[in-house]
Amino acid sequence: MTGHEETSARISISIGGWGDKEGTEERTWVFIEVRPTTDSCEMMVRDLEESIYFGKDLLGRGMGRQEALKSSLLDDFFSVADHIVANDPAVKSYLLGEGVSAEGRERLIQ
C-alpha cells in the first residue's frame, strides 16, 4: 500500500527473452506505481523490495529505481505500463474508481 488513501496500481513489468528458465538472464524487470489524475495518470518507478517478485528469479534481473531511471529501457517499461492501463479492463476500471471488472478481457490463449 502507499501509506495513504490515494488509489494506485502497482505493476511488475519484465522485458526481454522468454522461454525456458535459462532465459531469465535475458530479462530485466521494474516495479511501477500508477496513480490516476483528473484526465490521465502518473507513473513512477518504485523500489524493487516493494514488489512480491523481489528476491525471485522468475522475472529476470530487477532494476532498482535509480538504475531504471537511467536505463535506455525506461521508455519501454512505461510503454508497457501505458498499454496495461489503457487496455486491461480490470486495471482501468480500478483506476477510474469503479468496481473492478474484467469484463471485455480477452484470453490470448484458449
N, C-alpha and C. Protein backbone atom coordinates (compact mmCIF):
# COMPACT_ATOMS: atom_id res chain seq x y z
N MET A 1 0.83 -1.18 0.00
CA MET A 1 0.00 0.00 0.00
C MET A 1 0.87 1.24 0.00
N THR A 2 0.27 2.34 -0.35
CA THR A 2 1.03 3.57 -0.48
C THR A 2 1.15 4.33 0.84
N GLY A 3 0.45 3.93 1.88
CA GLY A 3 0.51 4.63 3.15
C GLY A 3 -0.49 5.77 3.23
N HIS A 4 -1.25 5.99 2.17
CA HIS A 4 -2.30 7.00 2.18
C HIS A 4 -3.46 6.50 1.34
N GLU A 5 -4.51 7.29 1.27
CA GLU A 5 -5.76 6.83 0.69
C GLU A 5 -5.86 6.96 -0.83
N GLU A 6 -4.81 7.39 -1.50
CA GLU A 6 -4.87 7.53 -2.94
C GLU A 6 -4.96 6.17 -3.62
N THR A 7 -5.76 6.11 -4.66
CA THR A 7 -5.86 4.90 -5.47
C THR A 7 -4.59 4.74 -6.27
N SER A 8 -4.05 3.54 -6.30
CA SER A 8 -2.90 3.27 -7.17
C SER A 8 -2.86 1.79 -7.50
N ALA A 9 -2.25 1.51 -8.64
CA ALA A 9 -2.00 0.12 -9.05
C ALA A 9 -0.49 -0.02 -9.16
N ARG A 10 0.01 -1.14 -8.72
CA ARG A 10 1.45 -1.40 -8.80
C ARG A 10 1.67 -2.60 -9.71
N ILE A 11 2.59 -2.40 -10.67
CA ILE A 11 2.77 -3.37 -11.73
C ILE A 11 4.25 -3.74 -11.85
N SER A 12 4.53 -5.04 -11.79
CA SER A 12 5.89 -5.53 -12.06
C SER A 12 5.95 -5.88 -13.54
N ILE A 13 6.88 -5.26 -14.26
CA ILE A 13 6.98 -5.44 -15.70
C ILE A 13 8.35 -5.99 -16.06
N SER A 14 8.37 -7.09 -16.81
CA SER A 14 9.60 -7.73 -17.23
C SER A 14 9.72 -7.67 -18.75
N ILE A 15 10.89 -7.28 -19.23
CA ILE A 15 11.15 -7.16 -20.66
C ILE A 15 12.38 -8.00 -21.00
N GLY A 16 12.31 -8.71 -22.11
CA GLY A 16 13.47 -9.50 -22.55
C GLY A 16 13.04 -10.85 -23.07
N GLY A 17 14.00 -11.76 -23.18
CA GLY A 17 13.74 -13.09 -23.71
C GLY A 17 12.82 -13.91 -22.82
N TRP A 18 11.99 -14.71 -23.45
CA TRP A 18 11.09 -15.60 -22.71
C TRP A 18 11.29 -17.01 -23.21
N GLY A 19 10.91 -17.94 -22.40
CA GLY A 19 11.03 -19.35 -22.78
C GLY A 19 11.39 -20.15 -21.56
N ASP A 20 12.45 -20.91 -21.66
CA ASP A 20 12.82 -21.77 -20.54
C ASP A 20 13.48 -20.95 -19.43
N LYS A 21 13.74 -21.61 -18.31
CA LYS A 21 14.29 -20.94 -17.13
C LYS A 21 15.59 -20.22 -17.43
N GLU A 22 16.41 -20.76 -18.32
CA GLU A 22 17.68 -20.14 -18.64
C GLU A 22 17.49 -18.76 -19.27
N GLY A 23 16.31 -18.50 -19.82
CA GLY A 23 16.03 -17.22 -20.45
C GLY A 23 15.93 -16.06 -19.48
N THR A 24 15.90 -16.34 -18.19
CA THR A 24 15.76 -15.25 -17.23
C THR A 24 16.94 -14.30 -17.25
N GLU A 25 18.12 -14.75 -17.69
CA GLU A 25 19.28 -13.86 -17.76
C GLU A 25 19.05 -12.75 -18.78
N GLU A 26 18.17 -13.00 -19.74
CA GLU A 26 17.90 -12.03 -20.79
C GLU A 26 16.80 -11.04 -20.41
N ARG A 27 16.16 -11.25 -19.27
CA ARG A 27 15.04 -10.40 -18.87
C ARG A 27 15.46 -9.42 -17.79
N THR A 28 14.81 -8.27 -17.82
CA THR A 28 15.00 -7.24 -16.81
C THR A 28 13.62 -6.77 -16.38
N TRP A 29 13.47 -6.46 -15.09
CA TRP A 29 12.15 -6.02 -14.63
C TRP A 29 12.25 -4.81 -13.72
N VAL A 30 11.13 -4.08 -13.68
CA VAL A 30 10.98 -2.93 -12.78
C VAL A 30 9.61 -3.00 -12.13
N PHE A 31 9.44 -2.20 -11.10
CA PHE A 31 8.18 -2.12 -10.36
C PHE A 31 7.66 -0.70 -10.51
N ILE A 32 6.48 -0.55 -11.10
CA ILE A 32 5.92 0.76 -11.40
C ILE A 32 4.59 0.95 -10.67
N GLU A 33 4.42 2.13 -10.09
CA GLU A 33 3.15 2.50 -9.47
C GLU A 33 2.43 3.46 -10.41
N VAL A 34 1.13 3.22 -10.59
CA VAL A 34 0.29 4.04 -11.45
C VAL A 34 -0.79 4.68 -10.58
N ARG A 35 -0.91 6.01 -10.66
CA ARG A 35 -1.95 6.74 -9.93
C ARG A 35 -2.79 7.54 -10.92
N PRO A 36 -4.11 7.46 -10.78
CA PRO A 36 -4.95 8.24 -11.67
C PRO A 36 -4.87 9.73 -11.33
N THR A 37 -4.98 10.56 -12.38
CA THR A 37 -5.10 12.00 -12.21
C THR A 37 -6.44 12.40 -12.81
N THR A 38 -6.74 13.66 -12.83
CA THR A 38 -8.03 14.13 -13.34
C THR A 38 -8.29 13.68 -14.77
N ASP A 39 -7.29 13.78 -15.62
CA ASP A 39 -7.51 13.46 -17.03
C ASP A 39 -6.57 12.40 -17.59
N SER A 40 -5.76 11.77 -16.75
CA SER A 40 -4.79 10.79 -17.23
C SER A 40 -4.32 9.94 -16.04
N CYS A 41 -3.04 9.69 -15.98
CA CYS A 41 -2.45 9.02 -14.83
C CYS A 41 -0.97 9.40 -14.75
N GLU A 42 -0.40 9.21 -13.59
CA GLU A 42 1.03 9.43 -13.43
C GLU A 42 1.65 8.11 -13.04
N MET A 43 2.89 7.93 -13.45
CA MET A 43 3.59 6.67 -13.16
C MET A 43 4.94 6.98 -12.55
N MET A 44 5.36 6.10 -11.65
CA MET A 44 6.68 6.25 -11.07
C MET A 44 7.29 4.88 -10.81
N VAL A 45 8.59 4.81 -10.98
CA VAL A 45 9.31 3.58 -10.68
C VAL A 45 9.46 3.50 -9.17
N ARG A 46 9.15 2.35 -8.61
CA ARG A 46 9.23 2.13 -7.17
C ARG A 46 10.44 1.24 -6.86
N ASP A 47 10.75 1.12 -5.58
CA ASP A 47 11.83 0.23 -5.14
C ASP A 47 11.42 -1.23 -5.33
N LEU A 48 12.34 -2.04 -5.81
CA LEU A 48 12.06 -3.46 -6.07
C LEU A 48 11.57 -4.19 -4.84
N GLU A 49 12.09 -3.81 -3.69
CA GLU A 49 11.74 -4.51 -2.44
C GLU A 49 10.25 -4.48 -2.14
N GLU A 50 9.52 -3.57 -2.76
CA GLU A 50 8.08 -3.45 -2.54
C GLU A 50 7.27 -4.45 -3.37
N SER A 51 7.89 -5.06 -4.37
CA SER A 51 7.19 -5.99 -5.25
C SER A 51 7.16 -7.39 -4.64
N ILE A 52 6.08 -8.11 -4.91
CA ILE A 52 6.01 -9.51 -4.45
C ILE A 52 7.02 -10.39 -5.18
N TYR A 53 7.59 -9.88 -6.27
CA TYR A 53 8.58 -10.65 -7.03
C TYR A 53 10.01 -10.40 -6.58
N PHE A 54 10.20 -9.52 -5.61
CA PHE A 54 11.55 -9.23 -5.13
C PHE A 54 12.18 -10.50 -4.57
N GLY A 55 13.42 -10.77 -4.97
CA GLY A 55 14.14 -11.94 -4.50
C GLY A 55 13.82 -13.22 -5.25
N LYS A 56 12.97 -13.13 -6.28
CA LYS A 56 12.61 -14.30 -7.08
C LYS A 56 13.21 -14.14 -8.47
N ASP A 57 13.56 -15.25 -9.09
CA ASP A 57 14.22 -15.23 -10.40
C ASP A 57 13.25 -15.19 -11.58
N LEU A 58 11.99 -15.37 -11.34
CA LEU A 58 11.01 -15.52 -12.41
C LEU A 58 11.05 -14.41 -13.46
N LEU A 59 11.21 -13.17 -13.04
CA LEU A 59 11.13 -12.05 -13.97
C LEU A 59 12.49 -11.59 -14.50
N GLY A 60 13.55 -12.26 -14.08
CA GLY A 60 14.88 -11.88 -14.52
C GLY A 60 15.57 -11.00 -13.48
N ARG A 61 16.46 -10.14 -13.96
CA ARG A 61 17.21 -9.26 -13.07
C ARG A 61 16.41 -7.99 -12.83
N GLY A 62 16.16 -7.68 -11.58
CA GLY A 62 15.44 -6.48 -11.25
C GLY A 62 16.32 -5.25 -11.33
N MET A 63 15.72 -4.14 -11.76
CA MET A 63 16.43 -2.86 -11.78
C MET A 63 15.83 -1.98 -10.71
N GLY A 64 16.66 -1.54 -9.80
CA GLY A 64 16.22 -0.61 -8.78
C GLY A 64 15.82 0.72 -9.38
N ARG A 65 15.18 1.54 -8.57
CA ARG A 65 14.66 2.83 -9.04
C ARG A 65 15.72 3.68 -9.74
N GLN A 66 16.84 3.90 -9.10
CA GLN A 66 17.88 4.77 -9.67
C GLN A 66 18.44 4.21 -10.97
N GLU A 67 18.68 2.91 -11.00
CA GLU A 67 19.18 2.28 -12.22
C GLU A 67 18.16 2.38 -13.35
N ALA A 68 16.90 2.12 -13.03
CA ALA A 68 15.84 2.16 -14.04
C ALA A 68 15.68 3.56 -14.63
N LEU A 69 15.77 4.58 -13.79
CA LEU A 69 15.60 5.95 -14.27
C LEU A 69 16.71 6.36 -15.25
N LYS A 70 17.85 5.69 -15.21
CA LYS A 70 18.97 5.97 -16.11
C LYS A 70 19.00 5.01 -17.30
N SER A 71 18.16 4.00 -17.29
CA SER A 71 18.22 2.93 -18.28
C SER A 71 17.63 3.35 -19.63
N SER A 72 18.22 2.82 -20.69
CA SER A 72 17.68 3.04 -22.03
C SER A 72 16.35 2.29 -22.22
N LEU A 73 16.02 1.38 -21.31
CA LEU A 73 14.76 0.62 -21.39
C LEU A 73 13.59 1.33 -20.70
N LEU A 74 13.84 2.45 -20.04
CA LEU A 74 12.79 3.10 -19.24
C LEU A 74 11.55 3.40 -20.07
N ASP A 75 11.72 3.96 -21.26
CA ASP A 75 10.56 4.27 -22.10
C ASP A 75 9.79 3.01 -22.48
N ASP A 76 10.50 1.90 -22.67
CA ASP A 76 9.83 0.63 -22.98
C ASP A 76 8.98 0.16 -21.80
N PHE A 77 9.52 0.25 -20.60
CA PHE A 77 8.75 -0.14 -19.41
C PHE A 77 7.50 0.72 -19.27
N PHE A 78 7.65 2.03 -19.46
CA PHE A 78 6.48 2.91 -19.36
C PHE A 78 5.48 2.65 -20.48
N SER A 79 5.96 2.28 -21.66
CA SER A 79 5.05 1.95 -22.76
C SER A 79 4.21 0.72 -22.44
N VAL A 80 4.84 -0.28 -21.84
CA VAL A 80 4.09 -1.48 -21.45
C VAL A 80 3.07 -1.11 -20.37
N ALA A 81 3.48 -0.31 -19.39
CA ALA A 81 2.55 0.12 -18.34
C ALA A 81 1.39 0.92 -18.94
N ASP A 82 1.68 1.82 -19.88
CA ASP A 82 0.62 2.58 -20.56
C ASP A 82 -0.37 1.65 -21.25
N HIS A 83 0.16 0.62 -21.91
CA HIS A 83 -0.70 -0.34 -22.61
C HIS A 83 -1.61 -1.08 -21.61
N ILE A 84 -1.05 -1.49 -20.50
CA ILE A 84 -1.85 -2.20 -19.48
C ILE A 84 -2.97 -1.31 -18.96
N VAL A 85 -2.62 -0.09 -18.61
CA VAL A 85 -3.61 0.85 -18.06
C VAL A 85 -4.71 1.15 -19.07
N ALA A 86 -4.35 1.32 -20.32
CA ALA A 86 -5.33 1.66 -21.35
C ALA A 86 -6.18 0.49 -21.82
N ASN A 87 -5.66 -0.74 -21.69
CA ASN A 87 -6.33 -1.87 -22.33
C ASN A 87 -6.79 -2.98 -21.40
N ASP A 88 -6.34 -3.03 -20.18
CA ASP A 88 -6.80 -4.09 -19.29
C ASP A 88 -8.03 -3.58 -18.53
N PRO A 89 -9.19 -4.19 -18.77
CA PRO A 89 -10.43 -3.70 -18.16
C PRO A 89 -10.38 -3.67 -16.63
N ALA A 90 -9.74 -4.64 -16.01
CA ALA A 90 -9.70 -4.69 -14.55
C ALA A 90 -8.86 -3.54 -13.99
N VAL A 91 -7.69 -3.31 -14.58
CA VAL A 91 -6.83 -2.22 -14.12
C VAL A 91 -7.49 -0.88 -14.39
N LYS A 92 -8.01 -0.73 -15.59
CA LYS A 92 -8.65 0.53 -15.99
C LYS A 92 -9.84 0.87 -15.10
N SER A 93 -10.71 -0.09 -14.85
CA SER A 93 -11.89 0.17 -14.01
C SER A 93 -11.49 0.50 -12.58
N TYR A 94 -10.48 -0.17 -12.07
CA TYR A 94 -10.00 0.11 -10.71
C TYR A 94 -9.46 1.54 -10.61
N LEU A 95 -8.62 1.93 -11.57
CA LEU A 95 -8.03 3.27 -11.52
C LEU A 95 -9.07 4.36 -11.73
N LEU A 96 -10.16 4.05 -12.43
CA LEU A 96 -11.25 5.01 -12.62
C LEU A 96 -12.16 5.10 -11.39
N GLY A 97 -11.90 4.26 -10.39
CA GLY A 97 -12.70 4.30 -9.17
C GLY A 97 -14.00 3.53 -9.28
N GLU A 98 -14.11 2.71 -10.29
CA GLU A 98 -15.29 1.88 -10.48
C GLU A 98 -15.04 0.53 -9.82
N GLY A 99 -16.04 -0.30 -9.75
CA GLY A 99 -15.82 -1.65 -9.27
C GLY A 99 -14.89 -2.37 -10.23
N VAL A 100 -14.00 -3.16 -9.71
CA VAL A 100 -13.05 -3.87 -10.58
C VAL A 100 -13.83 -4.84 -11.45
N SER A 101 -13.60 -4.73 -12.75
CA SER A 101 -14.30 -5.57 -13.70
C SER A 101 -13.34 -6.07 -14.77
N ALA A 102 -13.36 -7.36 -15.00
CA ALA A 102 -12.55 -7.93 -16.08
C ALA A 102 -13.39 -8.15 -17.33
N GLU A 103 -14.62 -7.62 -17.34
CA GLU A 103 -15.49 -7.79 -18.49
C GLU A 103 -14.83 -7.17 -19.72
N GLY A 104 -14.77 -7.93 -20.78
CA GLY A 104 -14.14 -7.47 -22.00
C GLY A 104 -12.69 -7.91 -22.13
N ARG A 105 -12.17 -8.51 -21.08
CA ARG A 105 -10.79 -9.00 -21.15
C ARG A 105 -10.79 -10.26 -22.00
N GLU A 106 -9.93 -10.27 -23.00
CA GLU A 106 -9.83 -11.43 -23.88
C GLU A 106 -8.69 -12.32 -23.44
N ARG A 107 -8.92 -13.61 -23.53
CA ARG A 107 -7.84 -14.57 -23.26
C ARG A 107 -7.01 -14.70 -24.51
N LEU A 108 -5.70 -14.60 -24.36
CA LEU A 108 -4.82 -14.74 -25.51
C LEU A 108 -4.62 -16.20 -25.88
N ILE A 109 -4.69 -17.06 -24.88
CA ILE A 109 -4.52 -18.49 -25.11
C ILE A 109 -5.83 -19.18 -24.75
N GLN A 110 -6.37 -19.90 -25.68
CA GLN A 110 -7.65 -20.58 -25.45
C GLN A 110 -7.43 -21.98 -24.95
